[in-house]
N, C-alpha and C. Protein backbone atom coordinates (compact mmCIF):
# COMPACT_ATOMS: atom_id res chain seq x y z
N MET A 1 145.50 54.97 56.58
CA MET A 1 146.83 54.70 57.11
C MET A 1 146.64 53.23 57.99
N SER A 2 147.92 52.53 57.71
CA SER A 2 147.92 51.08 58.34
C SER A 2 147.78 51.17 59.81
N ARG A 3 147.14 50.17 60.42
CA ARG A 3 147.35 50.05 61.88
C ARG A 3 148.79 50.35 62.55
N THR A 4 149.91 49.81 61.83
CA THR A 4 150.99 50.29 62.39
C THR A 4 151.28 51.60 62.19
N GLY A 5 151.13 52.13 61.00
CA GLY A 5 151.34 53.63 60.74
C GLY A 5 150.68 54.42 61.65
N SER A 6 149.02 54.07 61.82
CA SER A 6 148.56 54.71 62.68
C SER A 6 149.09 54.98 64.34
N SER A 7 149.36 53.64 64.66
CA SER A 7 149.99 53.57 65.99
C SER A 7 151.08 54.53 65.98
N ALA A 8 152.16 54.44 65.11
CA ALA A 8 153.32 55.48 65.22
C ALA A 8 152.90 56.66 65.32
N PHE A 9 151.83 57.30 64.29
CA PHE A 9 151.53 58.33 64.37
C PHE A 9 150.83 59.11 65.69
N ILE A 10 150.06 58.12 66.32
CA ILE A 10 149.38 58.37 67.61
C ILE A 10 150.68 58.49 68.66
N ARG A 11 151.68 57.71 68.50
CA ARG A 11 152.82 57.71 69.62
C ARG A 11 153.49 59.00 69.42
N GLY A 12 153.82 59.25 68.23
CA GLY A 12 154.57 60.52 68.10
C GLY A 12 153.90 61.73 68.63
N CYS A 13 152.47 61.92 68.16
CA CYS A 13 151.61 62.91 68.50
C CYS A 13 151.55 62.94 69.96
N SER A 14 151.38 61.90 70.88
CA SER A 14 151.35 61.78 72.16
C SER A 14 152.54 62.35 72.68
N LEU A 15 153.74 62.09 72.35
CA LEU A 15 155.08 62.85 72.95
C LEU A 15 154.88 64.42 72.76
N LEU A 16 154.78 64.67 71.56
CA LEU A 16 154.52 66.08 71.39
C LEU A 16 153.57 66.87 72.35
N GLY A 17 152.45 66.21 72.48
CA GLY A 17 151.35 66.82 73.38
C GLY A 17 151.97 66.86 74.70
N VAL A 18 152.86 65.72 75.30
CA VAL A 18 153.41 65.85 76.63
C VAL A 18 154.36 66.93 76.73
N LEU A 19 155.18 67.16 75.52
CA LEU A 19 156.27 68.25 75.47
C LEU A 19 155.46 69.78 75.48
N TRP A 20 154.39 69.72 74.89
CA TRP A 20 153.58 71.10 74.98
C TRP A 20 152.96 71.30 76.17
N ALA A 21 152.60 70.24 76.95
CA ALA A 21 152.09 70.27 78.36
C ALA A 21 153.13 70.83 79.12
N ALA A 22 154.32 70.44 78.81
CA ALA A 22 155.52 70.85 79.77
C ALA A 22 155.91 72.21 79.71
N ASN A 23 155.54 72.82 78.32
CA ASN A 23 155.95 73.98 77.98
C ASN A 23 154.95 74.87 78.01
N SER A 24 153.54 74.52 78.62
CA SER A 24 152.58 75.18 78.17
C SER A 24 152.66 76.95 78.56
N TYR A 25 152.18 77.76 77.79
CA TYR A 25 152.10 79.23 77.95
C TYR A 25 150.83 79.73 78.23
N GLY A 26 149.76 78.75 78.34
CA GLY A 26 148.32 79.11 78.69
C GLY A 26 148.01 79.31 80.08
N GLN A 27 148.91 79.62 81.02
CA GLN A 27 148.57 79.62 82.43
C GLN A 27 147.75 80.81 82.99
N ALA A 28 146.98 80.76 83.87
CA ALA A 28 146.15 81.81 84.25
C ALA A 28 146.93 82.86 85.09
N ASP A 29 146.55 84.38 84.85
CA ASP A 29 147.12 85.20 85.77
C ASP A 29 146.25 86.09 86.13
N THR A 30 146.62 87.00 87.24
CA THR A 30 145.73 87.46 87.95
C THR A 30 145.86 89.12 87.68
N VAL A 31 146.48 89.60 86.76
CA VAL A 31 146.65 91.04 86.28
C VAL A 31 145.40 91.71 86.37
N ARG A 32 145.28 92.89 86.43
CA ARG A 32 143.96 93.74 86.50
C ARG A 32 143.41 94.13 85.22
N ARG A 33 144.21 94.56 84.25
CA ARG A 33 143.44 95.14 83.15
C ARG A 33 143.48 94.24 81.74
N ASP A 34 142.57 94.66 81.02
CA ASP A 34 142.65 94.11 79.71
C ASP A 34 142.92 94.94 78.79
N SER A 35 143.98 94.85 77.71
CA SER A 35 144.44 95.57 76.84
C SER A 35 143.51 95.84 75.77
N ALA A 36 142.72 95.08 75.23
CA ALA A 36 141.89 95.43 74.52
C ALA A 36 140.70 96.42 74.66
N LYS A 37 140.20 96.54 76.09
CA LYS A 37 139.23 97.04 76.63
C LYS A 37 139.85 98.61 76.63
N GLN A 38 141.00 98.77 76.77
CA GLN A 38 141.63 100.10 77.15
C GLN A 38 141.98 100.76 75.79
N ALA A 39 141.78 100.24 74.55
CA ALA A 39 142.02 100.80 73.22
C ALA A 39 140.94 100.87 72.29
N THR A 40 139.71 100.51 72.86
CA THR A 40 138.77 100.35 71.79
C THR A 40 138.18 101.69 71.90
N ALA A 41 138.22 102.77 72.99
CA ALA A 41 137.47 103.93 72.91
C ALA A 41 137.98 104.90 72.13
N GLY A 42 139.48 104.85 71.66
CA GLY A 42 139.83 105.99 70.78
C GLY A 42 139.88 105.62 69.29
N ALA A 43 140.66 106.62 68.47
CA ALA A 43 140.83 106.33 67.13
C ALA A 43 141.76 105.12 66.93
N PRO A 44 141.69 104.50 65.65
CA PRO A 44 142.46 103.30 65.37
C PRO A 44 143.95 103.69 65.75
N THR A 45 144.63 102.68 66.46
CA THR A 45 145.99 102.98 67.00
C THR A 45 147.02 102.41 65.73
N VAL A 46 148.17 102.82 65.63
CA VAL A 46 149.27 102.72 64.81
C VAL A 46 150.08 101.53 65.23
N ILE A 47 150.07 100.65 64.54
CA ILE A 47 150.86 99.16 65.02
C ILE A 47 152.19 99.13 64.16
N ARG A 48 153.15 98.81 64.78
CA ARG A 48 154.60 98.70 64.32
C ARG A 48 155.08 97.35 64.64
N LEU A 49 155.39 96.44 63.74
CA LEU A 49 155.82 94.99 63.99
C LEU A 49 157.25 95.46 63.95
N PRO A 50 158.02 94.45 64.78
CA PRO A 50 159.50 94.45 64.89
C PRO A 50 159.99 93.71 63.43
N ALA A 51 161.14 94.49 63.04
CA ALA A 51 161.68 93.81 61.80
C ALA A 51 162.31 92.40 61.72
N GLU A 52 162.58 92.08 63.06
CA GLU A 52 163.24 90.68 63.46
C GLU A 52 162.97 90.36 64.62
N LEU A 53 162.70 89.05 64.97
CA LEU A 53 162.39 88.40 66.06
C LEU A 53 162.56 87.15 66.26
N ARG A 54 163.44 86.64 67.30
CA ARG A 54 163.96 85.47 67.37
C ARG A 54 164.59 84.86 66.08
N ASN A 55 165.37 85.45 65.54
CA ASN A 55 166.05 85.50 64.17
C ASN A 55 165.08 85.10 62.99
N TYR A 56 163.92 85.50 63.15
CA TYR A 56 162.94 85.51 62.14
C TYR A 56 162.91 87.09 61.53
N ARG A 57 163.03 86.99 60.16
CA ARG A 57 163.11 88.38 59.64
C ARG A 57 161.72 88.78 59.03
N LEU A 58 161.36 89.87 59.08
CA LEU A 58 160.04 90.35 58.51
C LEU A 58 160.49 90.50 56.90
N THR A 59 159.94 89.62 56.00
CA THR A 59 160.14 89.77 54.52
C THR A 59 159.19 90.26 53.44
N ASP A 60 157.76 90.24 54.10
CA ASP A 60 156.73 90.60 53.20
C ASP A 60 155.79 91.05 53.98
N SER A 61 154.83 92.03 53.35
CA SER A 61 153.77 92.48 54.01
C SER A 61 152.64 92.67 52.76
N LEU A 62 151.62 92.33 52.73
CA LEU A 62 150.41 92.49 51.97
C LEU A 62 149.18 93.07 52.55
N LYS A 63 148.65 94.11 52.04
CA LYS A 63 147.36 94.85 52.45
C LYS A 63 146.17 94.10 51.75
N LEU A 64 145.41 93.72 52.55
CA LEU A 64 144.26 92.80 51.92
C LEU A 64 142.88 93.71 51.89
N GLY A 65 143.19 94.65 51.06
CA GLY A 65 141.88 95.53 50.98
C GLY A 65 142.39 97.14 50.59
N THR A 66 141.61 97.91 50.35
CA THR A 66 141.88 99.45 49.95
C THR A 66 141.70 100.33 51.11
N SER A 67 141.01 100.09 52.08
CA SER A 67 140.68 101.12 53.09
C SER A 67 141.99 101.34 54.14
N ASP A 68 142.08 102.30 54.60
CA ASP A 68 143.36 102.75 55.54
C ASP A 68 143.46 101.51 56.51
N ASN A 69 142.20 101.12 57.06
CA ASN A 69 142.22 100.06 58.23
C ASN A 69 141.98 98.71 57.61
N ALA A 70 142.30 98.59 56.34
CA ALA A 70 142.27 97.08 55.89
C ALA A 70 143.27 96.06 56.60
N PRO A 71 142.92 94.90 56.62
CA PRO A 71 143.80 93.80 57.37
C PRO A 71 145.29 93.71 56.41
N VAL A 72 145.94 93.45 57.36
CA VAL A 72 147.41 93.18 56.66
C VAL A 72 147.89 91.84 56.86
N LYS A 73 148.59 91.26 55.80
CA LYS A 73 149.31 89.99 56.15
C LYS A 73 150.83 90.26 56.16
N TYR A 74 151.52 89.58 57.14
CA TYR A 74 152.92 89.77 57.29
C TYR A 74 153.66 88.50 57.28
N THR A 75 154.73 88.25 56.61
CA THR A 75 155.51 87.03 56.52
C THR A 75 156.83 87.20 57.05
N TYR A 76 157.21 86.37 58.16
CA TYR A 76 158.64 86.35 58.93
C TYR A 76 159.30 85.04 58.38
N ARG A 77 160.43 85.15 57.95
CA ARG A 77 161.13 83.80 57.54
C ARG A 77 162.52 83.88 58.20
N ARG A 78 162.78 82.53 58.38
CA ARG A 78 164.05 82.00 58.96
C ARG A 78 164.61 80.78 58.44
N ASP A 79 165.69 80.80 57.52
CA ASP A 79 165.80 79.85 56.70
C ASP A 79 164.71 79.22 56.06
N HIS A 80 164.28 77.88 56.25
CA HIS A 80 163.26 77.33 55.67
C HIS A 80 161.85 77.41 56.38
N ASP A 81 161.96 77.95 57.45
CA ASP A 81 160.90 78.26 58.13
C ASP A 81 159.90 79.64 58.14
N SER A 82 158.72 79.62 58.09
CA SER A 82 158.06 80.98 57.92
C SER A 82 156.72 80.97 59.16
N ILE A 83 156.61 81.98 59.44
CA ILE A 83 155.45 82.52 60.57
C ILE A 83 154.64 83.58 59.76
N THR A 84 153.31 83.39 59.67
CA THR A 84 152.51 84.23 59.26
C THR A 84 151.58 85.13 60.25
N VAL A 85 151.78 86.50 60.08
CA VAL A 85 151.01 87.22 61.02
C VAL A 85 149.77 87.89 60.26
N PHE A 86 148.56 87.68 60.58
CA PHE A 86 147.44 88.39 59.88
C PHE A 86 147.10 89.53 61.27
N LEU A 87 146.96 90.57 60.73
CA LEU A 87 146.63 91.67 61.57
C LEU A 87 145.27 92.48 61.01
N SER A 88 144.28 92.33 61.90
CA SER A 88 143.02 92.92 61.46
C SER A 88 142.37 93.94 62.29
N PRO A 89 141.43 94.91 62.02
CA PRO A 89 141.01 95.48 63.22
C PRO A 89 139.68 94.95 63.78
N LEU A 90 139.40 95.13 65.01
CA LEU A 90 138.27 94.60 65.61
C LEU A 90 136.93 95.19 64.89
N GLY A 91 136.12 94.61 64.84
CA GLY A 91 134.85 95.01 64.39
C GLY A 91 133.97 96.05 65.16
N PRO A 92 133.15 96.83 64.86
CA PRO A 92 132.53 97.90 65.73
C PRO A 92 131.83 97.22 66.83
N SER A 93 130.88 96.01 66.54
CA SER A 93 130.32 95.44 67.55
C SER A 93 131.12 94.90 68.44
N VAL A 94 132.28 94.25 68.22
CA VAL A 94 133.26 93.70 69.18
C VAL A 94 133.87 94.72 70.04
N ALA A 95 134.39 95.98 69.40
CA ALA A 95 134.68 97.02 70.13
C ALA A 95 133.95 97.53 71.32
N SER A 96 132.73 97.43 70.81
CA SER A 96 131.43 98.04 71.75
C SER A 96 131.34 97.10 72.98
N ALA A 97 131.29 95.69 72.58
CA ALA A 97 131.26 94.80 73.74
C ALA A 97 132.25 94.77 74.69
N LEU A 98 133.45 94.98 74.25
CA LEU A 98 134.70 95.18 74.80
C LEU A 98 134.55 96.20 75.99
N LEU A 99 134.23 97.34 75.36
CA LEU A 99 134.10 98.54 76.26
C LEU A 99 132.96 98.43 77.36
N LYS A 100 131.94 97.48 77.12
CA LYS A 100 130.99 97.22 78.17
C LYS A 100 131.62 96.18 79.12
N GLY A 101 132.82 95.86 78.97
CA GLY A 101 133.55 95.18 79.94
C GLY A 101 133.48 93.75 79.63
N GLU A 102 132.95 93.19 78.51
CA GLU A 102 133.06 91.66 78.02
C GLU A 102 134.48 91.26 77.95
N ASP A 103 134.76 89.90 78.16
CA ASP A 103 136.13 89.43 78.02
C ASP A 103 136.44 89.16 76.73
N SER A 104 137.65 89.67 76.28
CA SER A 104 138.13 89.52 74.78
C SER A 104 138.57 88.26 74.33
N THR A 105 138.78 87.27 75.54
CA THR A 105 139.13 85.67 75.12
C THR A 105 138.23 85.20 74.04
N ALA A 106 137.00 85.33 74.14
CA ALA A 106 136.00 84.54 73.09
C ALA A 106 136.40 85.13 71.65
N GLU A 107 136.77 86.40 71.70
CA GLU A 107 137.25 87.02 70.40
C GLU A 107 138.41 86.22 69.86
N ALA A 108 139.18 85.83 70.59
CA ALA A 108 140.35 84.88 70.18
C ALA A 108 140.11 83.64 70.08
N GLN A 109 139.24 83.12 70.90
CA GLN A 109 139.08 81.72 70.78
C GLN A 109 138.38 81.26 69.30
N LYS A 110 137.41 82.13 68.96
CA LYS A 110 136.47 81.48 67.87
C LYS A 110 137.41 81.20 66.78
N PRO A 111 138.25 82.03 66.11
CA PRO A 111 139.05 81.74 64.88
C PRO A 111 139.72 80.34 65.02
N VAL A 112 140.43 80.26 66.51
CA VAL A 112 141.01 79.03 66.61
C VAL A 112 140.61 77.64 66.40
N GLU A 113 139.39 77.95 67.11
CA GLU A 113 138.39 76.50 66.97
C GLU A 113 137.94 76.31 65.55
N ARG A 114 137.62 77.42 64.69
CA ARG A 114 137.47 77.19 63.60
C ARG A 114 138.33 76.63 62.66
N LEU A 115 139.84 76.89 62.84
CA LEU A 115 140.92 76.05 62.29
C LEU A 115 140.90 74.58 62.80
N ARG A 116 140.89 74.45 64.04
CA ARG A 116 140.77 73.31 64.37
C ARG A 116 139.72 72.20 64.04
N ASP A 117 138.69 72.62 64.05
CA ASP A 117 137.44 71.91 63.51
C ASP A 117 137.56 71.58 61.97
N SER A 118 138.42 72.70 61.20
CA SER A 118 138.62 72.32 59.63
C SER A 118 139.62 71.14 59.54
N PHE A 119 140.61 70.92 60.64
CA PHE A 119 141.40 69.67 60.40
C PHE A 119 140.64 68.51 61.00
N ILE A 120 139.80 68.56 61.84
CA ILE A 120 139.11 67.44 62.25
C ILE A 120 137.98 67.08 61.12
N ASP A 121 137.51 67.94 60.54
CA ASP A 121 136.66 67.53 59.48
C ASP A 121 137.16 67.01 58.26
N ALA A 122 138.58 67.53 57.91
CA ALA A 122 139.25 66.98 56.87
C ALA A 122 139.80 65.60 57.20
N ASP A 123 140.10 65.30 58.40
CA ASP A 123 140.51 63.99 58.83
C ASP A 123 139.25 62.88 58.82
N ARG A 124 138.16 63.47 59.01
CA ARG A 124 136.96 62.67 59.22
C ARG A 124 136.31 62.09 57.55
N ARG A 125 136.80 63.15 56.70
CA ARG A 125 136.38 62.96 55.21
C ARG A 125 137.58 62.02 54.67
N GLY A 126 138.74 61.81 55.30
CA GLY A 126 139.62 61.06 54.57
C GLY A 126 140.74 61.89 54.04
N ASP A 127 140.48 63.14 53.88
CA ASP A 127 141.35 64.08 53.37
C ASP A 127 142.67 64.05 54.00
N LEU A 128 143.08 63.54 55.19
CA LEU A 128 144.19 63.42 55.99
C LEU A 128 144.50 62.08 56.20
N ARG A 129 145.51 61.59 56.64
CA ARG A 129 145.91 60.26 56.93
C ARG A 129 145.84 60.05 58.32
N GLY A 130 145.74 61.31 59.28
CA GLY A 130 145.76 61.34 60.53
C GLY A 130 145.89 62.75 60.99
N PHE A 131 145.24 62.95 62.43
CA PHE A 131 145.39 64.23 62.79
C PHE A 131 145.00 63.97 64.37
N ARG A 132 145.64 65.09 65.15
CA ARG A 132 145.70 64.86 66.63
C ARG A 132 146.20 66.29 67.17
N SER A 133 145.00 66.64 67.90
CA SER A 133 145.28 68.01 68.64
C SER A 133 146.20 67.96 69.96
N LEU A 134 147.31 68.50 69.95
CA LEU A 134 148.54 68.61 70.71
C LEU A 134 148.17 69.66 71.93
N PHE A 135 147.44 70.73 71.74
CA PHE A 135 147.30 71.60 72.70
C PHE A 135 146.18 72.80 72.22
N GLN A 136 145.55 73.10 73.24
CA GLN A 136 144.42 74.19 72.80
C GLN A 136 143.78 74.75 74.23
N GLY A 137 144.05 76.16 74.32
CA GLY A 137 143.77 76.64 75.57
C GLY A 137 143.93 78.19 75.39
N ALA A 138 143.28 78.73 76.52
CA ALA A 138 143.61 80.22 76.78
C ALA A 138 145.36 80.47 76.90
N ASP A 139 145.77 81.46 76.19
CA ASP A 139 147.10 81.91 76.22
C ASP A 139 147.35 83.24 76.41
N ASN A 140 147.16 83.73 77.40
CA ASN A 140 147.24 85.09 77.93
C ASN A 140 148.70 85.59 78.12
N VAL A 141 148.79 86.59 77.83
CA VAL A 141 150.23 87.47 77.94
C VAL A 141 150.09 88.37 78.98
N SER A 142 150.89 88.45 79.93
CA SER A 142 150.95 89.39 81.05
C SER A 142 152.26 90.41 80.69
N ILE A 143 151.86 91.70 80.78
CA ILE A 143 152.72 92.75 80.36
C ILE A 143 152.46 93.86 80.99
N ASN A 144 153.49 93.99 81.94
CA ASN A 144 153.62 95.35 82.58
C ASN A 144 152.43 95.81 83.27
N GLY A 145 151.79 94.67 83.87
CA GLY A 145 150.50 95.14 84.90
C GLY A 145 149.18 94.97 84.11
N HIS A 146 149.28 94.57 82.85
CA HIS A 146 147.94 94.36 82.06
C HIS A 146 147.98 92.98 81.51
N ARG A 147 146.86 92.69 80.91
CA ARG A 147 146.82 91.38 80.18
C ARG A 147 146.31 91.46 78.62
N VAL A 148 147.05 90.73 77.98
CA VAL A 148 146.61 90.58 76.59
C VAL A 148 146.04 89.29 76.64
N HIS A 149 144.47 89.00 76.17
CA HIS A 149 143.92 87.89 75.74
C HIS A 149 144.38 87.17 74.71
N GLY A 150 144.67 85.80 74.78
CA GLY A 150 144.86 85.38 73.58
C GLY A 150 144.51 83.70 73.71
N TYR A 151 144.56 82.94 72.59
CA TYR A 151 143.87 81.46 72.53
C TYR A 151 144.78 80.79 71.60
N ALA A 152 145.11 79.75 71.81
CA ALA A 152 146.18 79.06 70.95
C ALA A 152 145.82 77.62 70.85
N PHE A 153 146.28 77.16 69.81
CA PHE A 153 146.15 75.69 69.22
C PHE A 153 147.39 75.06 68.47
N ALA A 154 147.76 73.96 68.74
CA ALA A 154 148.72 73.17 67.98
C ALA A 154 148.18 71.92 67.57
N GLY A 155 148.47 71.38 66.59
CA GLY A 155 148.17 69.91 66.15
C GLY A 155 149.24 69.20 65.37
N ALA A 156 148.97 68.14 65.10
CA ALA A 156 150.10 67.39 64.43
C ALA A 156 149.06 66.68 63.38
N TYR A 157 149.43 66.50 61.85
CA TYR A 157 148.67 65.82 61.06
C TYR A 157 149.58 65.18 60.07
N SER A 158 149.00 64.26 59.18
CA SER A 158 149.81 63.70 58.25
C SER A 158 148.86 63.60 56.94
N ASN A 159 149.25 64.31 55.83
CA ASN A 159 148.34 64.44 54.59
C ASN A 159 148.79 63.25 53.64
N ARG A 160 147.93 63.46 52.54
CA ARG A 160 148.09 62.12 51.52
C ARG A 160 148.86 62.75 50.29
N ILE A 161 149.61 63.94 50.60
CA ILE A 161 150.55 64.37 49.58
C ILE A 161 151.87 64.05 49.97
N SER A 162 152.35 64.41 51.08
CA SER A 162 153.89 64.39 51.47
C SER A 162 153.93 63.11 52.65
N ALA A 163 155.04 62.72 52.79
CA ALA A 163 155.30 61.80 53.94
C ALA A 163 155.57 62.64 55.10
N GLY A 164 155.46 61.77 56.13
CA GLY A 164 155.83 62.38 57.31
C GLY A 164 154.63 63.08 58.07
N VAL A 165 154.87 63.77 59.38
CA VAL A 165 153.97 64.30 60.14
C VAL A 165 154.30 65.86 59.95
N GLN A 166 153.08 66.54 60.06
CA GLN A 166 153.21 68.10 59.70
C GLN A 166 153.01 68.67 61.00
N TYR A 167 153.23 69.81 61.51
CA TYR A 167 153.09 70.55 62.61
C TYR A 167 152.30 71.91 62.29
N VAL A 168 151.14 72.38 63.06
CA VAL A 168 150.62 73.63 62.82
C VAL A 168 150.32 74.19 64.11
N TYR A 169 150.83 75.61 64.23
CA TYR A 169 150.43 76.34 65.45
C TYR A 169 149.65 77.59 64.99
N TYR A 170 148.53 77.81 65.83
CA TYR A 170 147.87 78.98 65.47
C TYR A 170 147.65 79.57 66.71
N GLY A 171 148.05 80.76 66.94
CA GLY A 171 147.64 81.52 68.18
C GLY A 171 146.87 83.01 67.64
N VAL A 172 145.85 83.47 68.40
CA VAL A 172 145.32 84.61 68.40
C VAL A 172 145.21 85.39 69.32
N TYR A 173 145.53 86.59 69.36
CA TYR A 173 145.52 87.58 70.44
C TYR A 173 144.75 89.11 70.19
N VAL A 174 144.16 89.57 71.06
CA VAL A 174 143.51 90.78 70.97
C VAL A 174 144.12 91.85 71.76
N LEU A 175 144.98 92.80 70.92
CA LEU A 175 145.70 93.82 71.37
C LEU A 175 145.24 95.29 71.16
N ARG A 176 145.04 96.05 71.93
CA ARG A 176 144.44 97.36 71.42
C ARG A 176 143.26 97.27 70.84
N ASP A 177 143.41 97.85 69.53
CA ASP A 177 141.99 97.61 68.56
C ASP A 177 142.37 96.67 67.64
N ARG A 178 143.14 95.60 67.77
CA ARG A 178 143.37 94.76 66.61
C ARG A 178 143.23 93.33 66.95
N THR A 179 143.13 92.17 66.10
CA THR A 179 143.16 90.99 66.41
C THR A 179 144.55 90.60 65.70
N PHE A 180 145.48 89.71 66.25
CA PHE A 180 146.60 89.24 65.80
C PHE A 180 146.32 87.74 65.62
N ARG A 181 146.63 87.30 64.37
CA ARG A 181 146.51 85.90 64.09
C ARG A 181 147.71 85.35 63.34
N ILE A 182 148.65 84.52 64.35
CA ILE A 182 149.91 84.10 64.17
C ILE A 182 149.84 82.35 63.84
N ARG A 183 150.31 82.20 62.60
CA ARG A 183 150.40 80.76 62.05
C ARG A 183 151.69 80.27 61.75
N SER A 184 152.15 79.09 62.20
CA SER A 184 153.19 78.55 61.64
C SER A 184 152.79 77.02 61.06
N ASP A 185 153.25 76.53 60.05
CA ASP A 185 153.29 75.17 59.49
C ASP A 185 154.61 74.83 59.18
N ALA A 186 155.01 73.69 59.71
CA ALA A 186 156.33 73.21 59.64
C ALA A 186 156.54 71.80 59.72
N ASN A 187 157.67 71.13 59.35
CA ASN A 187 157.80 69.81 59.92
C ASN A 187 158.06 69.69 61.40
N VAL A 188 157.70 68.49 61.99
CA VAL A 188 157.78 68.53 63.38
C VAL A 188 159.34 68.17 64.01
N GLN A 189 159.61 69.37 64.47
CA GLN A 189 160.90 69.57 64.97
C GLN A 189 160.76 70.17 66.20
N MET A 190 161.60 69.99 67.33
CA MET A 190 161.42 70.60 68.52
C MET A 190 161.84 72.15 68.32
N ALA A 191 162.76 72.33 67.59
CA ALA A 191 163.11 73.87 67.66
C ALA A 191 161.94 74.53 67.29
N VAL A 192 161.08 74.19 66.19
CA VAL A 192 159.96 74.87 65.58
C VAL A 192 158.96 74.90 66.60
N ASN A 193 158.67 73.70 67.25
CA ASN A 193 157.49 73.53 68.18
C ASN A 193 157.73 74.63 69.18
N ALA A 194 158.98 74.70 69.77
CA ALA A 194 159.17 75.78 70.77
C ALA A 194 159.08 77.03 70.15
N ASP A 195 159.52 77.37 68.98
CA ASP A 195 159.78 78.76 68.54
C ASP A 195 158.49 79.46 68.20
N ALA A 196 157.47 78.75 67.70
CA ALA A 196 156.30 79.39 67.27
C ALA A 196 155.52 80.03 68.36
N PRO A 197 155.04 79.36 69.59
CA PRO A 197 154.50 80.02 70.62
C PRO A 197 155.30 81.05 71.42
N ASP A 198 156.75 80.73 71.46
CA ASP A 198 157.40 81.87 71.95
C ASP A 198 157.57 83.07 71.07
N PHE A 199 157.71 83.00 69.93
CA PHE A 199 157.64 84.09 68.59
C PHE A 199 156.38 84.75 68.92
N ALA A 200 155.24 84.08 69.25
CA ALA A 200 154.02 84.87 69.27
C ALA A 200 154.00 85.64 70.55
N LYS A 201 154.23 85.08 71.71
CA LYS A 201 154.33 85.81 72.97
C LYS A 201 155.33 87.19 72.71
N LYS A 202 156.53 86.93 72.23
CA LYS A 202 157.52 88.00 71.96
C LYS A 202 157.18 89.03 71.02
N LEU A 203 156.11 88.77 70.05
CA LEU A 203 155.75 89.49 69.13
C LEU A 203 154.69 90.71 69.82
N ILE A 204 153.66 89.93 70.59
CA ILE A 204 152.66 90.70 71.35
C ILE A 204 153.39 91.66 72.24
N ALA A 205 154.33 91.19 72.95
CA ALA A 205 155.14 91.98 73.93
C ALA A 205 155.90 93.13 73.22
N ALA A 206 156.28 92.89 72.14
CA ALA A 206 157.09 93.99 71.41
C ALA A 206 156.13 95.03 70.72
N VAL A 207 154.97 94.63 70.39
CA VAL A 207 154.13 95.39 69.95
C VAL A 207 153.34 96.32 70.95
N ASP A 208 153.05 95.62 72.12
CA ASP A 208 152.50 96.46 73.14
C ASP A 208 153.69 97.37 73.78
N ALA A 209 154.76 97.10 73.69
CA ALA A 209 155.97 98.07 74.26
C ALA A 209 156.01 99.33 73.36
N ALA A 210 155.76 99.14 71.98
CA ALA A 210 156.00 100.23 71.03
C ALA A 210 155.12 101.56 71.17
N PRO A 211 155.71 102.67 70.99
CA PRO A 211 154.99 103.75 71.25
C PRO A 211 153.82 104.04 70.24
């Protein structure tokens, strides 16, 4: 990327970072209970995702395995935008650790950091023309007196195939006995930037409220 192009990319990403900070969802809370700890003791829970949320409609689902408790990939679409939700069970060792009182934030943080690091590595190798992390941190959701631990990341990047800056959002949440991984890849537009994190929070709240 030329010096002029690089400067423009950084200026644009800096503005997005300011907007993310102004609308940050990762504020600390003081609620008493952790929803992951409450659910790991019993049998696997039945998870029902909403058919529509923030004008995104659930259009596809794909089971990634043959077992009853196999991970499932869900796709929500709205016009040309899409959000992918990966729903997978907590492993036995993780569930056991949560029952012993360990914080589930680390379980949400690890996959987010792996994705962020993959962008950093791609940029260093020259596979991208630029990358900037816009937001990263705890993204807990407070619902009816308990807390769902989450961790989220947003970044902007420019690849060598298409022109312009692309935006990625990735939020991971631990609810009941499942891990929710929510990802959106889109052009940098304010509506999309605001929708992805808000969609994630509303999805977690809707699942938590379902019987």
